[in-house]
């Protein structure tokens, strides 16, 4: 079954946060951008949490160990985080 992602209506509501949790040795990555969620699913696999309204996914969160350097590097190089 295909997942249904919802883009934020207003451009100013789009957000992506990457927090470095040094004590837990991980990155906490959250985004509500539909295309970026799809890209991150390809890199990291299923998110740790999907924020849903009904059956529609509004945002996703991944927790990634800092030991997964190759996946983090791949995310920085391939995922369109910065929309450049």
PDB file of N, CA and C in Angstrom:
ATOM      1  N   UNK A   1       0.836  -1.181   0.000  1.00  0.00           N
ATOM      2  CA  UNK A   1       0.000   0.000   0.000  1.00  0.00           C
ATOM      3  C   UNK A   1       0.884   1.250   0.000  1.00  0.00           C
ATOM      4  N   UNK A   2       0.569   2.185  -0.832  1.00  0.00           N
ATOM      5  CA  UNK A   2       1.329   3.422  -0.948  1.00  0.00           C
ATOM      6  C   UNK A   2       0.972   4.375   0.186  1.00  0.00           C
ATOM      7  N   UNK A   3       1.988   5.031   0.707  1.00  0.00           N
ATOM      8  CA  UNK A   3       1.753   6.004   1.779  1.00  0.00           C
ATOM      9  C   UNK A   3       1.294   7.322   1.189  1.00  0.00           C
ATOM     10  N   UNK A   4       0.426   8.016   1.912  1.00  0.00           N
ATOM     11  CA  UNK A   4      -0.087   9.308   1.470  1.00  0.00           C
ATOM     12  C   UNK A   4       0.509  10.386   2.370  1.00  0.00           C
ATOM     13  N   UNK A   5       1.318  11.258   1.768  1.00  0.00           N
ATOM     14  CA  UNK A   5       1.949  12.358   2.495  1.00  0.00           C
ATOM     15  C   UNK A   5       1.211  13.648   2.178  1.00  0.00           C
ATOM     16  N   UNK A   6       1.088  14.523   3.152  1.00  0.00           N
ATOM     17  CA  UNK A   6       0.440  15.806   2.946  1.00  0.00           C
ATOM     18  C   UNK A   6       1.481  16.909   3.069  1.00  0.00           C
ATOM     19  N   UNK A   7       1.580  17.722   2.032  1.00  0.00           N
ATOM     20  CA  UNK A   7       2.456  18.898   2.078  1.00  0.00           C
ATOM     21  C   UNK A   7       1.782  19.981   2.910  1.00  0.00           C
ATOM     22  N   UNK A   8       2.558  20.726   3.677  1.00  0.00           N
ATOM     23  CA  UNK A   8       1.969  21.875   4.391  1.00  0.00           C
ATOM     24  C   UNK A   8       1.372  22.856   3.399  1.00  0.00           C
ATOM     25  N   UNK A   9       0.243  23.437   3.746  1.00  0.00           N
ATOM     26  CA  UNK A   9      -0.457  24.356   2.843  1.00  0.00           C
ATOM     27  C   UNK A   9       0.359  25.614   2.599  1.00  0.00           C
ATOM     28  N   UNK A  10       0.865  26.196   3.663  1.00  0.00           N
ATOM     29  CA  UNK A  10       1.613  27.449   3.580  1.00  0.00           C
ATOM     30  C   UNK A  10       3.110  27.136   3.513  1.00  0.00           C
ATOM     31  N   UNK A  11       3.823  27.786   2.631  1.00  0.00           N
ATOM     32  CA  UNK A  11       5.266  27.585   2.468  1.00  0.00           C
ATOM     33  C   UNK A  11       6.019  27.828   3.775  1.00  0.00           C
ATOM     34  N   UNK A  12       5.521  28.731   4.605  1.00  0.00           N
ATOM     35  CA  UNK A  12       6.211  29.049   5.859  1.00  0.00           C
ATOM     36  C   UNK A  12       6.028  27.954   6.912  1.00  0.00           C
ATOM     37  N   UNK A  13       5.125  27.005   6.671  1.00  0.00           N
ATOM     38  CA  UNK A  13       4.913  25.912   7.612  1.00  0.00           C
ATOM     39  C   UNK A  13       5.851  24.729   7.372  1.00  0.00           C
ATOM     40  N   UNK A  14       6.575  24.725   6.249  1.00  0.00           N
ATOM     41  CA  UNK A  14       7.499  23.634   5.967  1.00  0.00           C
ATOM     42  C   UNK A  14       8.678  23.731   6.928  1.00  0.00           C
ATOM     43  N   UNK A  15       9.055  22.568   7.488  1.00  0.00           N
ATOM     44  CA  UNK A  15      10.189  22.590   8.395  1.00  0.00           C
ATOM     45  C   UNK A  15      10.904  21.250   8.414  1.00  0.00           C
ATOM     46  N   UNK A  16      12.192  21.335   8.664  1.00  0.00           N
ATOM     47  CA  UNK A  16      13.027  20.168   8.879  1.00  0.00           C
ATOM     48  C   UNK A  16      13.975  20.531  10.005  1.00  0.00           C
ATOM     49  N   UNK A  17      14.053  19.669  11.011  1.00  0.00           N
ATOM     50  CA  UNK A  17      14.990  19.898  12.105  1.00  0.00           C
ATOM     51  C   UNK A  17      15.886  18.681  12.251  1.00  0.00           C
ATOM     52  N   UNK A  18      17.158  18.961  12.488  1.00  0.00           N
ATOM     53  CA  UNK A  18      18.134  17.910  12.767  1.00  0.00           C
ATOM     54  C   UNK A  18      18.799  18.282  14.080  1.00  0.00           C
ATOM     55  N   UNK A  19      18.537  17.487  15.096  1.00  0.00           N
ATOM     56  CA  UNK A  19      19.118  17.726  16.416  1.00  0.00           C
ATOM     57  C   UNK A  19      20.175  16.677  16.701  1.00  0.00           C
ATOM     58  N   UNK A  20      21.318  17.121  17.191  1.00  0.00           N
ATOM     59  CA  UNK A  20      22.379  16.210  17.602  1.00  0.00           C
ATOM     60  C   UNK A  20      22.214  15.982  19.102  1.00  0.00           C
ATOM     61  N   UNK A  21      21.925  14.745  19.471  1.00  0.00           N
ATOM     62  CA  UNK A  21      21.755  14.382  20.875  1.00  0.00           C
ATOM     63  C   UNK A  21      23.037  13.676  21.319  1.00  0.00           C
ATOM     64  N   UNK A  22      23.989  14.453  21.807  1.00  0.00           N
ATOM     65  CA  UNK A  22      25.314  13.924  22.137  1.00  0.00           C
ATOM     66  C   UNK A  22      25.245  12.865  23.229  1.00  0.00           C
ATOM     67  N   UNK A  23      24.434  13.096  24.260  1.00  0.00           N
ATOM     68  CA  UNK A  23      24.330  12.140  25.361  1.00  0.00           C
ATOM     69  C   UNK A  23      23.782  10.799  24.920  1.00  0.00           C
ATOM     70  N   UNK A  24      22.928  10.813  23.909  1.00  0.00           N
ATOM     71  CA  UNK A  24      22.329   9.583  23.397  1.00  0.00           C
ATOM     72  C   UNK A  24      23.050   9.076  22.151  1.00  0.00           C
ATOM     73  N   UNK A  25      24.062   9.820  21.690  1.00  0.00           N
ATOM     74  CA  UNK A  25      24.874   9.450  20.534  1.00  0.00           C
ATOM     75  C   UNK A  25      24.018   9.227  19.283  1.00  0.00           C
ATOM     76  N   UNK A  26      23.110  10.205  18.991  1.00  0.00           N
ATOM     77  CA  UNK A  26      22.246  10.037  17.821  1.00  0.00           C
ATOM     78  C   UNK A  26      21.796  11.382  17.262  1.00  0.00           C
ATOM     79  N   UNK A  27      21.242  11.304  16.059  1.00  0.00           N
ATOM     80  CA  UNK A  27      20.582  12.444  15.425  1.00  0.00           C
ATOM     81  C   UNK A  27      19.086  12.201  15.509  1.00  0.00           C
ATOM     82  N   UNK A  28      18.335  13.251  15.806  1.00  0.00           N
ATOM     83  CA  UNK A  28      16.878  13.194  15.735  1.00  0.00           C
ATOM     84  C   UNK A  28      16.487  14.078  14.555  1.00  0.00           C
ATOM     85  N   UNK A  29      15.903  13.481  13.538  1.00  0.00           N
ATOM     86  CA  UNK A  29      15.564  14.183  12.304  1.00  0.00           C
ATOM     87  C   UNK A  29      14.048  14.208  12.158  1.00  0.00           C
ATOM     88  N   UNK A  30      13.493  15.405  11.996  1.00  0.00           N
ATOM     89  CA  UNK A  30      12.051  15.564  11.780  1.00  0.00           C
ATOM     90  C   UNK A  30      11.842  16.401  10.527  1.00  0.00           C
ATOM     91  N   UNK A  31      10.879  16.021   9.710  1.00  0.00           N
ATOM     92  CA  UNK A  31      10.481  16.850   8.581  1.00  0.00           C
ATOM     93  C   UNK A  31       8.998  16.663   8.292  1.00  0.00           C
ATOM     94  N   UNK A  32       8.394  17.721   7.754  1.00  0.00           N
ATOM     95  CA  UNK A  32       7.014  17.614   7.284  1.00  0.00           C
ATOM     96  C   UNK A  32       6.949  17.835   5.774  1.00  0.00           C
ATOM     97  N   UNK A  33       8.089  17.839   5.096  1.00  0.00           N
ATOM     98  CA  UNK A  33       8.133  17.961   3.636  1.00  0.00           C
ATOM     99  C   UNK A  33       7.938  16.573   3.029  1.00  0.00           C
ATOM    100  N   UNK A  34       6.926  16.421   2.202  1.00  0.00           N
ATOM    101  CA  UNK A  34       6.566  15.112   1.652  1.00  0.00           C
ATOM    102  C   UNK A  34       7.710  14.487   0.858  1.00  0.00           C
ATOM    103  N   UNK A  35       8.310  15.226  -0.047  1.00  0.00           N
ATOM    104  CA  UNK A  35       9.367  14.666  -0.888  1.00  0.00           C
ATOM    105  C   UNK A  35      10.580  14.271  -0.059  1.00  0.00           C
ATOM    106  N   UNK A  36      10.929  15.070   0.921  1.00  0.00           N
ATOM    107  CA  UNK A  36      12.068  14.755   1.782  1.00  0.00           C
ATOM    108  C   UNK A  36      11.773  13.516   2.632  1.00  0.00           C
ATOM    109  N   UNK A  37      10.540  13.346   3.077  1.00  0.00           N
ATOM    110  CA  UNK A  37      10.184  12.143   3.838  1.00  0.00           C
ATOM    111  C   UNK A  37      10.417  10.896   2.988  1.00  0.00           C
ATOM    112  N   UNK A  38      10.056  10.961   1.718  1.00  0.00           N
ATOM    113  CA  UNK A  38      10.266   9.827   0.816  1.00  0.00           C
ATOM    114  C   UNK A  38      11.755   9.544   0.634  1.00  0.00           C
ATOM    115  N   UNK A  39      12.559  10.608   0.477  1.00  0.00           N
ATOM    116  CA  UNK A  39      14.004  10.439   0.312  1.00  0.00           C
ATOM    117  C   UNK A  39      14.630   9.828   1.568  1.00  0.00           C
ATOM    118  N   UNK A  40      14.217  10.305   2.739  1.00  0.00           N
ATOM    119  CA  UNK A  40      14.779   9.792   3.986  1.00  0.00           C
ATOM    120  C   UNK A  40      14.357   8.348   4.243  1.00  0.00           C
ATOM    121  N   UNK A  41      13.173   7.972   3.793  1.00  0.00           N
ATOM    122  CA  UNK A  41      12.752   6.572   3.903  1.00  0.00           C
ATOM    123  C   UNK A  41      13.668   5.668   3.088  1.00  0.00           C
ATOM    124  N   UNK A  42      14.096   6.127   1.930  1.00  0.00           N
ATOM    125  CA  UNK A  42      15.006   5.339   1.093  1.00  0.00           C
ATOM    126  C   UNK A  42      16.374   5.205   1.752  1.00  0.00           C
ATOM    127  N   UNK A  43      16.812   6.234   2.460  1.00  0.00           N
ATOM    128  CA  UNK A  43      18.144   6.220   3.075  1.00  0.00           C
ATOM    129  C   UNK A  43      18.136   5.492   4.417  1.00  0.00           C
ATOM    130  N   UNK A  44      17.194   5.839   5.299  1.00  0.00           N
ATOM    131  CA  UNK A  44      17.190   5.318   6.666  1.00  0.00           C
ATOM    132  C   UNK A  44      16.174   4.204   6.901  1.00  0.00           C
ATOM    133  N   UNK A  45      15.266   3.994   5.974  1.00  0.00           N
ATOM    134  CA  UNK A  45      14.195   3.018   6.198  1.00  0.00           C
ATOM    135  C   UNK A  45      13.005   3.694   6.863  1.00  0.00           C
ATOM    136  N   UNK A  46      12.139   2.904   7.409  1.00  0.00           N
ATOM    137  CA  UNK A  46      10.915   3.419   8.030  1.00  0.00           C
ATOM    138  C   UNK A  46      11.259   4.365   9.184  1.00  0.00           C
ATOM    139  N   UNK A  47      10.492   5.442   9.331  1.00  0.00           N
ATOM    140  CA  UNK A  47      10.748   6.375  10.433  1.00  0.00           C
ATOM    141  C   UNK A  47      10.387   5.745  11.784  1.00  0.00           C
ATOM    142  N   UNK A  48      10.988   6.287  12.833  1.00  0.00           N
ATOM    143  CA  UNK A  48      10.655   5.834  14.184  1.00  0.00           C
ATOM    144  C   UNK A  48       9.247   6.254  14.569  1.00  0.00           C
ATOM    145  N   UNK A  49       8.794   7.389  14.021  1.00  0.00           N
ATOM    146  CA  UNK A  49       7.449   7.878  14.325  1.00  0.00           C
ATOM    147  C   UNK A  49       6.907   8.600  13.106  1.00  0.00           C
ATOM    148  N   UNK A  50       5.653   8.309  12.772  1.00  0.00           N
ATOM    149  CA  UNK A  50       4.947   9.044  11.727  1.00  0.00           C
ATOM    150  C   UNK A  50       3.840   9.832  12.402  1.00  0.00           C
ATOM    151  N   UNK A  51       3.783  11.112  12.125  1.00  0.00           N
ATOM    152  CA  UNK A  51       2.765  11.992  12.688  1.00  0.00           C
ATOM    153  C   UNK A  51       1.610  12.022  11.681  1.00  0.00           C
ATOM    154  N   UNK A  52       0.473  11.451  12.070  1.00  0.00           N
ATOM    155  CA  UNK A  52      -0.626  11.248  11.133  1.00  0.00           C
ATOM    156  C   UNK A  52      -1.875  12.008  11.547  1.00  0.00           C
ATOM    157  N   UNK A  53      -2.684  12.291  10.544  1.00  0.00           N
ATOM    158  CA  UNK A  53      -4.044  12.767  10.740  1.00  0.00           C
ATOM    159  C   UNK A  53      -4.887  11.876   9.851  1.00  0.00           C
ATOM    160  N   UNK A  54      -5.645  10.993  10.468  1.00  0.00           N
ATOM    161  CA  UNK A  54      -6.352   9.979   9.703  1.00  0.00           C
ATOM    162  C   UNK A  54      -5.336   9.023   9.099  1.00  0.00           C
ATOM    163  N   UNK A  55      -5.398   8.837   7.787  1.00  0.00           N
ATOM    164  CA  UNK A  55      -4.437   7.981   7.098  1.00  0.00           C
ATOM    165  C   UNK A  55      -3.341   8.781   6.415  1.00  0.00           C
ATOM    166  N   UNK A  56      -3.384  10.098   6.542  1.00  0.00           N
ATOM    167  CA  UNK A  56      -2.413  10.975   5.888  1.00  0.00           C
ATOM    168  C   UNK A  56      -1.246  11.257   6.820  1.00  0.00           C
ATOM    169  N   UNK A  57      -0.038  11.172   6.291  1.00  0.00           N
ATOM    170  CA  UNK A  57       1.171  11.421   7.067  1.00  0.00           C
ATOM    171  C   UNK A  57       1.516  12.906   6.964  1.00  0.00           C
ATOM    172  N   UNK A  58       1.546  13.573   8.106  1.00  0.00           N
ATOM    173  CA  UNK A  58       1.861  15.003   8.143  1.00  0.00           C
ATOM    174  C   UNK A  58       3.347  15.258   8.346  1.00  0.00           C
ATOM    175  N   UNK A  59       4.042  14.353   9.009  1.00  0.00           N
ATOM    176  CA  UNK A  59       5.469  14.509   9.279  1.00  0.00           C
ATOM    177  C   UNK A  59       6.042  13.188   9.764  1.00  0.00           C
ATOM    178  N   UNK A  60       7.372  13.093   9.763  1.00  0.00           N
ATOM    179  CA  UNK A  60       8.037  11.862  10.187  1.00  0.00           C
ATOM    180  C   UNK A  60       9.284  12.205  10.994  1.00  0.00           C
ATOM    181  N   UNK A  61       9.629  11.297  11.916  1.00  0.00           N
ATOM    182  CA  UNK A  61      10.817  11.456  12.748  1.00  0.00           C
ATOM    183  C   UNK A  61      11.673  10.200  12.662  1.00  0.00           C
ATOM    184  N   UNK A  62      12.977  10.396  12.477  1.00  0.00           N
ATOM    185  CA  UNK A  62      13.953   9.311  12.481  1.00  0.00           C
ATOM    186  C   UNK A  62      14.936   9.559  13.612  1.00  0.00           C
ATOM    187  N   UNK A  63      15.356   8.502  14.277  1.00  0.00           N
ATOM    188  CA  UNK A  63      16.434   8.554  15.257  1.00  0.00           C
ATOM    189  C   UNK A  63      17.568   7.727  14.656  1.00  0.00           C
ATOM    190  N   UNK A  64      18.708   8.376  14.403  1.00  0.00           N
ATOM    191  CA  UNK A  64      19.816   7.733  13.700  1.00  0.00           C
ATOM    192  C   UNK A  64      21.052   7.779  14.589  1.00  0.00           C
ATOM    193  N   UNK A  65      21.661   6.640  14.819  1.00  0.00           N
ATOM    194  CA  UNK A  65      22.880   6.575  15.614  1.00  0.00           C
ATOM    195  C   UNK A  65      24.002   7.322  14.902  1.00  0.00           C
ATOM    196  N   UNK A  66      24.821   8.038  15.684  1.00  0.00           N
ATOM    197  CA  UNK A  66      25.965   8.737  15.096  1.00  0.00           C
ATOM    198  C   UNK A  66      26.999   7.759  14.557  1.00  0.00           C
ATOM    199  N   UNK A  67      26.895   6.495  14.914  1.00  0.00           N
ATOM    200  CA  UNK A  67      27.800   5.471  14.391  1.00  0.00           C
ATOM    201  C   UNK A  67      27.481   5.115  12.935  1.00  0.00           C
ATOM    202  N   UNK A  68      26.298   5.495  12.456  1.00  0.00           N
ATOM    203  CA  UNK A  68      25.903   5.198  11.076  1.00  0.00           C
ATOM    204  C   UNK A  68      26.396   6.312  10.144  1.00  0.00           C
ATOM    205  N   UNK A  69      27.694   6.469  10.103  1.00  0.00           N
ATOM    206  CA  UNK A  69      28.306   7.573   9.354  1.00  0.00           C
ATOM    207  C   UNK A  69      28.009   7.518   7.861  1.00  0.00           C
ATOM    208  N   UNK A  70      27.969   6.318   7.281  1.00  0.00           N
ATOM    209  CA  UNK A  70      27.728   6.216   5.835  1.00  0.00           C
ATOM    210  C   UNK A  70      26.306   6.664   5.487  1.00  0.00           C
ATOM    211  N   UNK A  71      25.326   6.331   6.315  1.00  0.00           N
ATOM    212  CA  UNK A  71      23.948   6.759   6.055  1.00  0.00           C
ATOM    213  C   UNK A  71      23.801   8.268   6.267  1.00  0.00           C
ATOM    214  N   UNK A  72      24.477   8.801   7.281  1.00  0.00           N
ATOM    215  CA  UNK A  72      24.411  10.245   7.534  1.00  0.00           C
ATOM    216  C   UNK A  72      25.055  10.998   6.374  1.00  0.00           C
ATOM    217  N   UNK A  73      26.186  10.501   5.889  1.00  0.00           N
ATOM    218  CA  UNK A  73      26.854  11.115   4.739  1.00  0.00           C
ATOM    219  C   UNK A  73      25.954  11.051   3.511  1.00  0.00           C
ATOM    220  N   UNK A  74      25.329   9.912   3.284  1.00  0.00           N
ATOM    221  CA  UNK A  74      24.422   9.743   2.144  1.00  0.00           C
ATOM    222  C   UNK A  74      23.264  10.736   2.233  1.00  0.00           C
ATOM    223  N   UNK A  75      22.735  10.931   3.448  1.00  0.00           N
ATOM    224  CA  UNK A  75      21.640  11.884   3.639  1.00  0.00           C
ATOM    225  C   UNK A  75      22.099  13.297   3.253  1.00  0.00           C
ATOM    226  N   UNK A  76      23.277  13.681   3.704  1.00  0.00           N
ATOM    227  CA  UNK A  76      23.772  15.035   3.433  1.00  0.00           C
ATOM    228  C   UNK A  76      24.025  15.242   1.940  1.00  0.00           C
ATOM    229  N   UNK A  77      24.447  14.202   1.250  1.00  0.00           N
ATOM    230  CA  UNK A  77      24.781  14.328  -0.174  1.00  0.00           C
ATOM    231  C   UNK A  77      23.577  14.137  -1.099  1.00  0.00           C
ATOM    232  N   UNK A  78      22.653  13.247  -0.746  1.00  0.00           N
ATOM    233  CA  UNK A  78      21.581  12.882  -1.676  1.00  0.00           C
ATOM    234  C   UNK A  78      20.219  13.463  -1.357  1.00  0.00           C
ATOM    235  N   UNK A  79      19.906  13.618  -0.084  1.00  0.00           N
ATOM    236  CA  UNK A  79      18.590  14.152   0.274  1.00  0.00           C
ATOM    237  C   UNK A  79      18.581  15.663   0.082  1.00  0.00           C
ATOM    238  N   UNK A  80      17.502  16.180  -0.427  1.00  0.00           N
ATOM    239  CA  UNK A  80      17.401  17.615  -0.715  1.00  0.00           C
ATOM    240  C   UNK A  80      16.949  18.381   0.534  1.00  0.00           C
ATOM    241  N   UNK A  81      17.775  18.307   1.575  1.00  0.00           N
ATOM    242  CA  UNK A  81      17.421  18.944   2.849  1.00  0.00           C
ATOM    243  C   UNK A  81      17.383  20.460   2.732  1.00  0.00           C
ATOM    244  N   UNK A  82      18.347  21.008   2.039  1.00  0.00           N
ATOM    245  CA  UNK A  82      18.506  22.459   1.974  1.00  0.00           C
ATOM    246  C   UNK A  82      17.783  23.091   0.794  1.00  0.00           C
ATOM    247  N   UNK A  83      17.141  22.282  -0.038  1.00  0.00           N
ATOM    248  CA  UNK A  83      16.441  22.733  -1.244  1.00  0.00           C
ATOM    249  C   UNK A  83      17.300  23.643  -2.099  1.00  0.00           C
ATOM    250  N   UNK A  84      18.519  23.209  -2.334  1.00  0.00           N
ATOM    251  CA  UNK A  84      19.451  23.982  -3.184  1.00  0.00           C
ATOM    252  C   UNK A  84      19.346  23.532  -4.619  1.00  0.00           C
TER     253      UNK A  84
END
